[in-house]
Amino acid sequence: MKKYIILTAAIIICVSIDGQQTPLSENYFMDRYSLSPSYAGQVSPGRLMTGYRSDWSGIDGGPKTLSIAYNDLLPVLSNAGAGGKVVYDKTGIFSQLYLMTSYSYRVKVTGDHYVMFGLSAGIYHNSINLTDYYNDPGYTIDPALINSDISSKIKFMTDFSVAYNWQNLDAGFLFSNISFGDASYKEVELKYNPLSNFRFHASYLYDISENWSVTPLVILRGGKNIKSQFELAAQVAWMKRLWGSVVFRDPGIFGIGAGGKIINGLSIGYNFNAASNVALNAFNSHEVTLGIDIRELAKR
């Protein structure tokens, strides 16, 4: 009985963490697909993106996120694109895995006005690794929980998005974690439903000169039982080969980023942010992204 009570409490904590801390990424200037499935194959098709992000770097057990994504146009359907992504996130003894595939379709409304629709479908899985808990010498071993790692059953999930494009202006809505029914765990009689989220974004690419451009970006994210969060970012680029960025995300998070093309077809980016209301080395975040343009490399 003690075992199931403790495991149930741990699962409730895990679900609460998932609802409040969905994996974040700031590589949206390099990869529009990370903003919305509507951009799958429609913007920078044929691009493979890999990333690693470390949040709360001054705290043991802070979130660590690994991701890989690819999107391209569909050769068999005009104006259609597809993509896929794998995201693995680990926070302390809690981990979650997303595997999603996406489909997008672009419709010309009139003139230079386009609307892109996106739909993603995939699976979600989370687990609690109690082995890590007991391998820490700072904890007292409880015989009731030794070798009692638990994992959720596979959960089917979908995302839906719509985006608008007019010349250099982009805007869109994303509704994510749309799930059907409750999910449950194998080891404990407990059901849960991952919280639905929404995200709005808008950006505009402004050409300052022949070689220089600036792109401001606004993001608003939130969801069921999740406090809304506002984010404002801007990127300055030189000849589309070198770029730098700044970001503000409430409450009181500031960041900078830089990146560029190593060679044609291969680019790298780095982002750093810190909370202004705590010690500088406590809640830092570091993110490294590697982009591979398959089409551009094939031309070499």
C-alpha atoms as a PDB file:
ATOM      1  CA  MET A   1       0.000   0.000   0.000  1.00  0.00           C
ATOM      2  CA  LYS A   2       2.818   2.394   0.878  1.00  0.00           C
ATOM      3  CA  LYS A   3       4.361   1.721  -2.520  1.00  0.00           C
ATOM      4  CA  TYR A   4       1.232   2.705  -4.429  1.00  0.00           C
ATOM      5  CA  ILE A   5       0.617   5.815  -2.325  1.00  0.00           C
ATOM      6  CA  ILE A   6       4.135   7.107  -2.955  1.00  0.00           C
ATOM      7  CA  LEU A   7       4.044   6.234  -6.642  1.00  0.00           C
ATOM      8  CA  THR A   8       0.679   7.935  -7.060  1.00  0.00           C
ATOM      9  CA  ALA A   9       2.008  11.090  -5.402  1.00  0.00           C
ATOM     10  CA  ALA A  10       5.051  11.030  -7.693  1.00  0.00           C
ATOM     11  CA  ILE A  11       2.864  10.716 -10.789  1.00  0.00           C
ATOM     12  CA  ILE A  12       0.698  13.658  -9.725  1.00  0.00           C
ATOM     13  CA  ILE A  13       3.852  15.759  -9.338  1.00  0.00           C
ATOM     14  CA  CYS A  14       5.065  14.586 -12.763  1.00  0.00           C
ATOM     15  CA  VAL A  15       1.784  15.522 -14.447  1.00  0.00           C
ATOM     16  CA  SER A  16       1.868  18.941 -12.768  1.00  0.00           C
ATOM     17  CA  ILE A  17       5.402  19.536 -14.020  1.00  0.00           C
ATOM     18  CA  ASP A  18       4.421  18.530 -17.580  1.00  0.00           C
ATOM     19  CA  GLY A  19       1.517  20.965 -17.520  1.00  0.00           C
ATOM     20  CA  GLN A  20       3.647  23.887 -16.382  1.00  0.00           C
ATOM     21  CA  GLN A  21       6.935  23.108 -18.106  1.00  0.00           C
ATOM     22  CA  THR A  22       6.469  21.984 -21.683  1.00  0.00           C
ATOM     23  CA  PRO A  23       9.772  21.817 -23.562  1.00  0.00           C
ATOM     24  CA  LEU A  24      10.835  25.276 -24.750  1.00  0.00           C
ATOM     25  CA  SER A  25      13.015  26.142 -27.721  1.00  0.00           C
ATOM     26  CA  GLU A  26      14.401  29.394 -29.079  1.00  0.00           C
ATOM     27  CA  ASN A  27      15.600  28.102 -32.449  1.00  0.00           C
ATOM     28  CA  TYR A  28      12.485  29.451 -34.196  1.00  0.00           C
ATOM     29  CA  PHE A  29      14.533  31.871 -36.327  1.00  0.00           C
ATOM     30  CA  MET A  30      16.468  28.916 -37.742  1.00  0.00           C
ATOM     31  CA  ASP A  31      13.521  26.528 -37.880  1.00  0.00           C
ATOM     32  CA  ARG A  32      10.013  27.847 -38.533  1.00  0.00           C
ATOM     33  CA  TYR A  33       8.666  24.314 -38.273  1.00  0.00           C
ATOM     34  CA  SER A  34       9.383  24.473 -34.526  1.00  0.00           C
ATOM     35  CA  LEU A  35       6.846  27.315 -34.291  1.00  0.00           C
ATOM     36  CA  SER A  36       4.008  25.613 -36.117  1.00  0.00           C
ATOM     37  CA  PRO A  37       3.285  22.468 -38.177  1.00  0.00           C
ATOM     38  CA  SER A  38       1.763  24.833 -40.764  1.00  0.00           C
ATOM     39  CA  TYR A  39       5.330  25.628 -41.882  1.00  0.00           C
ATOM     40  CA  ALA A  40       6.263  21.978 -42.526  1.00  0.00           C
ATOM     41  CA  GLY A  41       7.778  21.965 -46.010  1.00  0.00           C
ATOM     42  CA  GLN A  42       6.490  25.491 -46.695  1.00  0.00           C
ATOM     43  CA  VAL A  43       9.482  27.399 -45.270  1.00  0.00           C
ATOM     44  CA  SER A  44      13.059  26.152 -45.789  1.00  0.00           C
ATOM     45  CA  PRO A  45      12.055  22.688 -47.080  1.00  0.00           C
ATOM     46  CA  GLY A  46      14.538  19.852 -46.881  1.00  0.00           C
ATOM     47  CA  ARG A  47      16.050  20.964 -43.585  1.00  0.00           C
ATOM     48  CA  LEU A  48      17.124  18.632 -40.780  1.00  0.00           C
ATOM     49  CA  MET A  49      17.372  20.260 -37.349  1.00  0.00           C
ATOM     50  CA  THR A  50      18.935  18.832 -34.202  1.00  0.00           C
ATOM     51  CA  GLY A  51      19.064  20.574 -30.858  1.00  0.00           C
ATOM     52  CA  TYR A  52      20.051  20.289 -27.217  1.00  0.00           C
ATOM     53  CA  ARG A  53      18.737  22.597 -24.487  1.00  0.00           C
ATOM     54  CA  SER A  54      19.659  22.782 -20.808  1.00  0.00           C
ATOM     55  CA  ASP A  55      17.357  24.799 -18.538  1.00  0.00           C
ATOM     56  CA  TRP A  56      18.016  25.763 -14.914  1.00  0.00           C
ATOM     57  CA  SER A  57      21.688  24.967 -15.533  1.00  0.00           C
ATOM     58  CA  GLY A  58      22.666  26.051 -12.004  1.00  0.00           C
ATOM     59  CA  ILE A  59      20.364  23.468 -10.431  1.00  0.00           C
ATOM     60  CA  ASP A  60      20.903  19.705 -10.352  1.00  0.00           C
ATOM     61  CA  GLY A  61      18.155  17.852 -12.197  1.00  0.00           C
ATOM     62  CA  GLY A  62      17.088  20.846 -14.286  1.00  0.00           C
ATOM     63  CA  PRO A  63      15.265  20.181 -17.583  1.00  0.00           C
ATOM     64  CA  LYS A  64      17.359  18.769 -20.431  1.00  0.00           C
ATOM     65  CA  THR A  65      15.816  18.519 -23.901  1.00  0.00           C
ATOM     66  CA  LEU A  66      16.992  16.691 -27.014  1.00  0.00           C
ATOM     67  CA  SER A  67      15.198  17.167 -30.332  1.00  0.00           C
ATOM     68  CA  ILE A  68      15.467  16.227 -33.985  1.00  0.00           C
ATOM     69  CA  ALA A  69      13.136  17.361 -36.762  1.00  0.00           C
ATOM     70  CA  TYR A  70      12.887  17.233 -40.536  1.00  0.00           C
ATOM     71  CA  ASN A  71      10.415  18.786 -42.961  1.00  0.00           C
ATOM     72  CA  ASP A  72      10.081  18.954 -46.743  1.00  0.00           C
ATOM     73  CA  LEU A  73       7.636  19.462 -49.590  1.00  0.00           C
ATOM     74  CA  LEU A  74       5.620  16.484 -50.772  1.00  0.00           C
ATOM     75  CA  PRO A  75       6.561  15.773 -54.402  1.00  0.00           C
ATOM     76  CA  VAL A  76       3.273  13.991 -55.090  1.00  0.00           C
ATOM     77  CA  LEU A  77       0.979  16.811 -53.924  1.00  0.00           C
ATOM     78  CA  SER A  78       1.161  20.438 -54.996  1.00  0.00           C
ATOM     79  CA  ASN A  79       1.401  22.988 -52.140  1.00  0.00           C
ATOM     80  CA  ALA A  80       1.634  20.212 -49.540  1.00  0.00           C
ATOM     81  CA  GLY A  81       4.415  19.538 -47.065  1.00  0.00           C
ATOM     82  CA  ALA A  82       5.265  17.046 -44.349  1.00  0.00           C
ATOM     83  CA  GLY A  83       7.531  16.831 -41.349  1.00  0.00           C
ATOM     84  CA  GLY A  84       8.415  14.797 -38.319  1.00  0.00           C
ATOM     85  CA  LYS A  85      10.004  15.446 -34.961  1.00  0.00           C
ATOM     86  CA  VAL A  86      11.205  13.592 -31.889  1.00  0.00           C
ATOM     87  CA  VAL A  87      11.524  15.447 -28.580  1.00  0.00           C
ATOM     88  CA  TYR A  88      12.893  13.892 -25.392  1.00  0.00           C
ATOM     89  CA  ASP A  89      12.747  15.938 -22.200  1.00  0.00           C
ATOM     90  CA  LYS A  90      14.123  14.962 -18.791  1.00  0.00           C
ATOM     91  CA  THR A  91      13.659  16.853 -15.529  1.00  0.00           C
ATOM     92  CA  GLY A  92      15.207  15.124 -12.537  1.00  0.00           C
ATOM     93  CA  ILE A  93      13.627  11.671 -12.283  1.00  0.00           C
ATOM     94  CA  PHE A  94      10.803  12.634 -14.678  1.00  0.00           C
ATOM     95  CA  SER A  95      11.092  12.180 -18.443  1.00  0.00           C
ATOM     96  CA  GLN A  96       8.725  12.622 -21.372  1.00  0.00           C
ATOM     97  CA  LEU A  97       8.889  11.650 -25.032  1.00  0.00           C
ATOM     98  CA  TYR A  98       7.027  13.125 -28.015  1.00  0.00           C
ATOM     99  CA  LEU A  99       6.982  11.561 -31.501  1.00  0.00           C
ATOM    100  CA  MET A 100       5.011  13.622 -34.001  1.00  0.00           C
ATOM    101  CA  THR A 101       4.446  13.679 -37.753  1.00  0.00           C
ATOM    102  CA  SER A 102       3.004  16.726 -39.528  1.00  0.00           C
ATOM    103  CA  TYR A 103       1.129  17.570 -42.699  1.00  0.00           C
ATOM    104  CA  SER A 104       0.715  21.086 -44.109  1.00  0.00           C
ATOM    105  CA  TYR A 105      -1.172  22.575 -47.012  1.00  0.00           C
ATOM    106  CA  ARG A 106      -0.866  26.082 -48.463  1.00  0.00           C
ATOM    107  CA  VAL A 107      -3.799  27.925 -50.024  1.00  0.00           C
ATOM    108  CA  LYS A 108      -3.465  31.101 -52.082  1.00  0.00           C
ATOM    109  CA  VAL A 109      -6.213  33.485 -51.011  1.00  0.00           C
ATOM    110  CA  THR A 110      -5.482  36.368 -53.363  1.00  0.00           C
ATOM    111  CA  GLY A 111      -2.407  38.110 -54.680  1.00  0.00           C
ATOM    112  CA  ASP A 112       0.447  37.620 -52.200  1.00  0.00           C
ATOM    113  CA  HIS A 113      -1.846  36.442 -49.410  1.00  0.00           C
ATOM    114  CA  TYR A 114      -1.506  32.798 -48.339  1.00  0.00           C
ATOM    115  CA  VAL A 115      -3.007  30.650 -45.594  1.00  0.00           C
ATOM    116  CA  MET A 116      -1.256  27.488 -44.438  1.00  0.00           C
ATOM    117  CA  PHE A 117      -2.963  24.739 -42.473  1.00  0.00           C
ATOM    118  CA  GLY A 118      -1.071  22.236 -40.372  1.00  0.00           C
ATOM    119  CA  LEU A 119      -1.979  19.031 -38.587  1.00  0.00           C
ATOM    120  CA  SER A 120       0.297  16.878 -36.451  1.00  0.00           C
ATOM    121  CA  ALA A 121      -0.379  13.468 -34.966  1.00  0.00           C
ATOM    122  CA  GLY A 122       1.775  11.304 -32.788  1.00  0.00           C
ATOM    123  CA  ILE A 123       2.329   9.696 -29.432  1.00  0.00           C
ATOM    124  CA  TYR A 124       3.285  10.859 -25.956  1.00  0.00           C
ATOM    125  CA  HIS A 125       4.896   8.875 -23.153  1.00  0.00           C
ATOM    126  CA  ASN A 126       6.277   9.788 -19.746  1.00  0.00           C
ATOM    127  CA  SER A 127       8.064   7.895 -17.001  1.00  0.00           C
ATOM    128  CA  ILE A 128       9.489   8.240 -13.503  1.00  0.00           C
ATOM    129  CA  ASN A 129      12.987   6.810 -13.113  1.00  0.00           C
ATOM    130  CA  LEU A 130      13.274   5.850  -9.451  1.00  0.00           C
ATOM    131  CA  THR A 131      16.639   4.211 -10.134  1.00  0.00           C
ATOM    132  CA  ASP A 132      18.131   7.702 -10.488  1.00  0.00           C
ATOM    133  CA  TYR A 133      16.479   8.652  -7.207  1.00  0.00           C
ATOM    134  CA  TYR A 134      18.085   5.824  -5.274  1.00  0.00           C
ATOM    135  CA  ASN A 135      21.475   6.134  -6.947  1.00  0.00           C
ATOM    136  CA  ASP A 136      21.790   9.534  -5.283  1.00  0.00           C
ATOM    137  CA  PRO A 137      23.669   9.036  -1.962  1.00  0.00           C
ATOM    138  CA  GLY A 138      21.705  11.921  -0.470  1.00  0.00           C
ATOM    139  CA  TYR A 139      18.517   9.856  -0.330  1.00  0.00           C
ATOM    140  CA  THR A 140      17.553   7.102   2.070  1.00  0.00           C
ATOM    141  CA  ILE A 141      16.672   3.829   0.374  1.00  0.00           C
ATOM    142  CA  ASP A 142      13.073   2.756   0.827  1.00  0.00           C
ATOM    143  CA  PRO A 143      12.750  -1.012   0.187  1.00  0.00           C
ATOM    144  CA  ALA A 144       9.121  -0.510  -0.864  1.00  0.00           C
ATOM    145  CA  LEU A 145      10.181   1.360  -3.994  1.00  0.00           C
ATOM    146  CA  ILE A 146      13.409  -0.325  -5.096  1.00  0.00           C
ATOM    147  CA  ASN A 147      13.207  -1.336  -8.774  1.00  0.00           C
ATOM    148  CA  SER A 148       9.831   0.376  -9.116  1.00  0.00           C
ATOM    149  CA  ASP A 149      10.407   2.595 -12.134  1.00  0.00           C
ATOM    150  CA  ILE A 150       7.049   3.405 -13.697  1.00  0.00           C
ATOM    151  CA  SER A 151       5.978   4.542 -17.131  1.00  0.00           C
ATOM    152  CA  SER A 152       2.757   5.707 -18.717  1.00  0.00           C
ATOM    153  CA  LYS A 153       0.880   3.898 -21.425  1.00  0.00           C
ATOM    154  CA  ILE A 154       1.236   5.322 -24.928  1.00  0.00           C
ATOM    155  CA  LYS A 155      -1.027   8.335 -25.483  1.00  0.00           C
ATOM    156  CA  PHE A 156      -2.237   9.511 -28.903  1.00  0.00           C
ATOM    157  CA  MET A 157      -2.058  13.286 -29.400  1.00  0.00           C
ATOM    158  CA  THR A 158      -2.609  15.828 -32.158  1.00  0.00           C
ATOM    159  CA  ASP A 159      -1.699  19.453 -32.914  1.00  0.00           C
ATOM    160  CA  PHE A 160      -3.653  21.787 -35.169  1.00  0.00           C
ATOM    161  CA  SER A 161      -2.400  25.085 -36.563  1.00  0.00           C
ATOM    162  CA  VAL A 162      -3.143  27.776 -39.094  1.00  0.00           C
ATOM    163  CA  ALA A 163      -0.700  30.419 -40.360  1.00  0.00           C
ATOM    164  CA  TYR A 164      -1.034  33.485 -42.554  1.00  0.00           C
ATOM    165  CA  ASN A 165       1.643  34.895 -44.863  1.00  0.00           C
ATOM    166  CA  TRP A 166       1.700  38.154 -46.774  1.00  0.00           C
ATOM    167  CA  GLN A 167       5.057  39.040 -48.299  1.00  0.00           C
ATOM    168  CA  ASN A 168       7.375  39.313 -45.240  1.00  0.00           C
ATOM    169  CA  LEU A 169       4.616  39.115 -42.626  1.00  0.00           C
ATOM    170  CA  ASP A 170       3.804  35.828 -40.854  1.00  0.00           C
ATOM    171  CA  ALA A 171       1.292  35.100 -38.100  1.00  0.00           C
ATOM    172  CA  GLY A 172      -0.380  31.996 -36.783  1.00  0.00           C
ATOM    173  CA  PHE A 173      -2.112  30.006 -34.051  1.00  0.00           C
ATOM    174  CA  LEU A 174      -1.156  26.578 -32.745  1.00  0.00           C
ATOM    175  CA  PHE A 175      -3.300  24.366 -30.536  1.00  0.00           C
ATOM    176  CA  SER A 176      -1.166  21.536 -29.159  1.00  0.00           C
ATOM    177  CA  ASN A 177      -1.569  18.511 -26.883  1.00  0.00           C
ATOM    178  CA  ILE A 178      -5.089  17.920 -28.197  1.00  0.00           C
ATOM    179  CA  SER A 179      -5.678  14.436 -26.833  1.00  0.00           C
ATOM    180  CA  PHE A 180      -8.501  11.943 -26.919  1.00  0.00           C
ATOM    181  CA  GLY A 181      -9.597  10.478 -23.602  1.00  0.00           C
ATOM    182  CA  ASP A 182      -7.467   9.868 -20.532  1.00  0.00           C
ATOM    183  CA  ALA A 183      -4.069   8.236 -20.339  1.00  0.00           C
ATOM    184  CA  SER A 184      -3.041   5.881 -17.571  1.00  0.00           C
ATOM    185  CA  TYR A 185      -0.079   4.121 -15.990  1.00  0.00           C
ATOM    186  CA  LYS A 186       0.619   0.415 -16.006  1.00  0.00           C
ATOM    187  CA  GLU A 187       1.752   0.175 -12.380  1.00  0.00           C
ATOM    188  CA  VAL A 188      -0.773   2.467 -10.645  1.00  0.00           C
ATOM    189  CA  GLU A 189      -4.528   2.969 -10.946  1.00  0.00           C
ATOM    190  CA  LEU A 190      -4.342   6.619 -11.961  1.00  0.00           C
ATOM    191  CA  LYS A 191      -5.605   8.413 -15.039  1.00  0.00           C
ATOM    192  CA  TYR A 192      -4.416  11.759 -16.365  1.00  0.00           C
ATOM    193  CA  ASN A 193      -4.806  13.971 -19.397  1.00  0.00           C
ATOM    194  CA  PRO A 194      -1.839  16.058 -20.642  1.00  0.00           C
ATOM    195  CA  LEU A 195      -2.865  19.700 -20.579  1.00  0.00           C
ATOM    196  CA  SER A 196      -3.741  21.386 -23.869  1.00  0.00           C
ATOM    197  CA  ASN A 197      -1.655  24.396 -24.879  1.00  0.00           C
ATOM    198  CA  PHE A 198      -1.951  27.236 -27.363  1.00  0.00           C
ATOM    199  CA  ARG A 199       0.636  29.477 -29.006  1.00  0.00           C
ATOM    200  CA  PHE A 200       0.238  32.616 -31.107  1.00  0.00           C
ATOM    201  CA  HIS A 201       3.103  34.146 -33.061  1.00  0.00           C
ATOM    202  CA  ALA A 202       3.649  37.040 -35.436  1.00  0.00           C
ATOM    203  CA  SER A 203       6.823  38.208 -37.184  1.00  0.00           C
ATOM    204  CA  TYR A 204       7.946  40.556 -39.933  1.00  0.00           C
ATOM    205  CA  LEU A 205      11.156  40.442 -41.959  1.00  0.00           C
ATOM    206  CA  TYR A 206      12.383  43.968 -42.664  1.00  0.00           C
ATOM    207  CA  ASP A 207      15.234  44.490 -45.133  1.00  0.00           C
ATOM    208  CA  ILE A 208      17.344  47.361 -43.830  1.00  0.00           C
ATOM    209  CA  SER A 209      19.683  47.239 -46.813  1.00  0.00           C
ATOM    210  CA  GLU A 210      20.884  44.791 -49.431  1.00  0.00           C
ATOM    211  CA  ASN A 211      22.955  42.903 -46.833  1.00  0.00           C
ATOM    212  CA  TRP A 212      21.197  43.581 -43.532  1.00  0.00           C
ATOM    213  CA  SER A 213      17.767  42.565 -42.247  1.00  0.00           C
ATOM    214  CA  VAL A 214      15.914  42.555 -38.932  1.00  0.00           C
ATOM    215  CA  THR A 215      13.054  40.267 -37.877  1.00  0.00           C
ATOM    216  CA  PRO A 216      10.969  41.101 -34.783  1.00  0.00           C
ATOM    217  CA  LEU A 217       8.885  38.237 -33.385  1.00  0.00           C
ATOM    218  CA  VAL A 218       6.069  38.154 -30.817  1.00  0.00           C
ATOM    219  CA  ILE A 219       4.911  34.942 -29.125  1.00  0.00           C
ATOM    220  CA  LEU A 220       2.060  34.381 -26.669  1.00  0.00           C
ATOM    221  CA  ARG A 221       1.715  30.930 -25.131  1.00  0.00           C
ATOM    222  CA  GLY A 222      -0.602  29.468 -22.525  1.00  0.00           C
ATOM    223  CA  GLY A 223      -3.163  26.754 -21.998  1.00  0.00           C
ATOM    224  CA  LYS A 224      -5.551  24.989 -19.699  1.00  0.00           C
ATOM    225  CA  ASN A 225      -4.590  25.780 -16.086  1.00  0.00           C
ATOM    226  CA  ILE A 226      -1.334  27.313 -17.385  1.00  0.00           C
ATOM    227  CA  LYS A 227      -0.477  30.976 -16.906  1.00  0.00           C
ATOM    228  CA  SER A 228      -0.050  32.813 -20.209  1.00  0.00           C
ATOM    229  CA  GLN A 229       3.489  33.838 -21.128  1.00  0.00           C
ATOM    230  CA  PHE A 230       4.557  36.683 -23.410  1.00  0.00           C
ATOM    231  CA  GLU A 231       7.771  36.584 -25.436  1.00  0.00           C
ATOM    232  CA  LEU A 232       9.369  39.266 -27.594  1.00  0.00           C
ATOM    233  CA  ALA A 233      12.424  38.558 -29.747  1.00  0.00           C
ATOM    234  CA  ALA A 234      14.324  40.116 -32.622  1.00  0.00           C
ATOM    235  CA  GLN A 235      17.023  38.855 -34.954  1.00  0.00           C
ATOM    236  CA  VAL A 236      19.503  40.876 -37.002  1.00  0.00           C
ATOM    237  CA  ALA A 237      21.064  39.034 -39.957  1.00  0.00           C
ATOM    238  CA  TRP A 238      23.913  39.846 -42.332  1.00  0.00           C
ATOM    239  CA  MET A 239      23.626  38.360 -45.819  1.00  0.00           C
ATOM    240  CA  LYS A 240      21.675  35.467 -44.276  1.00  0.00           C
ATOM    241  CA  ARG A 241      25.044  34.045 -43.208  1.00  0.00           C
ATOM    242  CA  LEU A 242      25.553  35.531 -39.742  1.00  0.00           C
ATOM    243  CA  TRP A 243      22.931  36.528 -37.205  1.00  0.00           C
ATOM    244  CA  GLY A 244      22.385  37.673 -33.645  1.00  0.00           C
ATOM    245  CA  SER A 245      19.235  37.861 -31.553  1.00  0.00           C
ATOM    246  CA  VAL A 246      17.804  39.192 -28.304  1.00  0.00           C
ATOM    247  CA  VAL A 247      14.771  37.903 -26.405  1.00  0.00           C
ATOM    248  CA  PHE A 248      12.578  38.835 -23.454  1.00  0.00           C
ATOM    249  CA  ARG A 249      10.166  36.334 -21.917  1.00  0.00           C
ATOM    250  CA  ASP A 250       8.113  37.067 -18.854  1.00  0.00           C
ATOM    251  CA  PRO A 251       8.518  36.923 -15.961  1.00  0.00           C
ATOM    252  CA  GLY A 252      11.859  38.731 -16.238  1.00  0.00           C
ATOM    253  CA  ILE A 253      13.825  36.397 -18.524  1.00  0.00           C
ATOM    254  CA  PHE A 254      16.337  37.953 -20.925  1.00  0.00           C
ATOM    255  CA  GLY A 255      18.449  36.220 -23.534  1.00  0.00           C
ATOM    256  CA  ILE A 256      20.819  36.566 -26.450  1.00  0.00           C
ATOM    257  CA  GLY A 257      21.656  34.332 -29.382  1.00  0.00           C
ATOM    258  CA  ALA A 258      24.126  34.061 -32.234  1.00  0.00           C
ATOM    259  CA  GLY A 259      24.715  31.801 -35.187  1.00  0.00           C
ATOM    260  CA  GLY A 260      25.704  31.461 -38.781  1.00  0.00           C
ATOM    261  CA  LYS A 261      26.433  29.242 -41.723  1.00  0.00           C
ATOM    262  CA  ILE A 262      29.557  27.144 -41.267  1.00  0.00           C
ATOM    263  CA  ILE A 263      29.457  26.137 -44.914  1.00  0.00           C
ATOM    264  CA  ASN A 264      26.655  26.160 -47.469  1.00  0.00           C
ATOM    265  CA  GLY A 265      24.074  23.714 -46.186  1.00  0.00           C
ATOM    266  CA  LEU A 266      25.332  23.596 -42.600  1.00  0.00           C
ATOM    267  CA  SER A 267      24.445  26.158 -39.923  1.00  0.00           C
ATOM    268  CA  ILE A 268      24.750  26.382 -36.148  1.00  0.00           C
ATOM    269  CA  GLY A 269      23.080  28.538 -33.521  1.00  0.00           C
ATOM    270  CA  TYR A 270      23.446  29.167 -29.796  1.00  0.00           C
ATOM    271  CA  ASN A 271      20.982  30.774 -27.379  1.00  0.00           C
ATOM    272  CA  PHE A 272      21.459  31.808 -23.759  1.00  0.00           C
ATOM    273  CA  ASN A 273      18.993  33.304 -21.323  1.00  0.00           C
ATOM    274  CA  ALA A 274      18.846  34.094 -17.619  1.00  0.00           C
ATOM    275  CA  ALA A 275      16.238  35.177 -15.095  1.00  0.00           C
ATOM    276  CA  SER A 276      16.720  38.733 -13.856  1.00  0.00           C
ATOM    277  CA  ASN A 277      15.202  38.184 -10.406  1.00  0.00           C
ATOM    278  CA  VAL A 278      17.508  35.372  -9.208  1.00  0.00           C
ATOM    279  CA  ALA A 279      21.244  34.739  -9.019  1.00  0.00           C
ATOM    280  CA  LEU A 280      22.862  34.810 -12.470  1.00  0.00           C
ATOM    281  CA  ASN A 281      24.083  31.204 -12.305  1.00  0.00           C
ATOM    282  CA  ALA A 282      20.824  29.690 -11.009  1.00  0.00           C
ATOM    283  CA  PHE A 283      18.229  29.604 -13.798  1.00  0.00           C
ATOM    284  CA  ASN A 284      20.368  29.971 -16.901  1.00  0.00           C
ATOM    285  CA  SER A 285      19.384  28.228 -20.123  1.00  0.00           C
ATOM    286  CA  HIS A 286      21.696  27.124 -22.923  1.00  0.00           C
ATOM    287  CA  GLU A 287      20.547  25.847 -26.308  1.00  0.00           C
ATOM    288  CA  VAL A 288      22.622  24.640 -29.250  1.00  0.00           C
ATOM    289  CA  THR A 289      21.032  23.955 -32.644  1.00  0.00           C
ATOM    290  CA  LEU A 290      22.568  22.367 -35.726  1.00  0.00           C
ATOM    291  CA  GLY A 291      20.800  22.782 -39.054  1.00  0.00           C
ATOM    292  CA  ILE A 292      21.491  20.680 -42.141  1.00  0.00           C
ATOM    293  CA  ASP A 293      20.001  21.785 -45.452  1.00  0.00           C
ATOM    294  CA  ILE A 294      19.786  18.512 -47.376  1.00  0.00           C
ATOM    295  CA  ARG A 295      18.975  20.201 -50.681  1.00  0.00           C
ATOM    296  CA  GLU A 296      21.823  22.689 -50.452  1.00  0.00           C
ATOM    297  CA  LEU A 297      24.329  20.011 -49.496  1.00  0.00           C
ATOM    298  CA  ALA A 298      23.203  17.896 -52.452  1.00  0.00           C
ATOM    299  CA  LYS A 299      24.262  20.703 -54.803  1.00  0.00           C
ATOM    300  CA  ARG A 300      27.858  20.682 -53.552  1.00  0.00           C
END
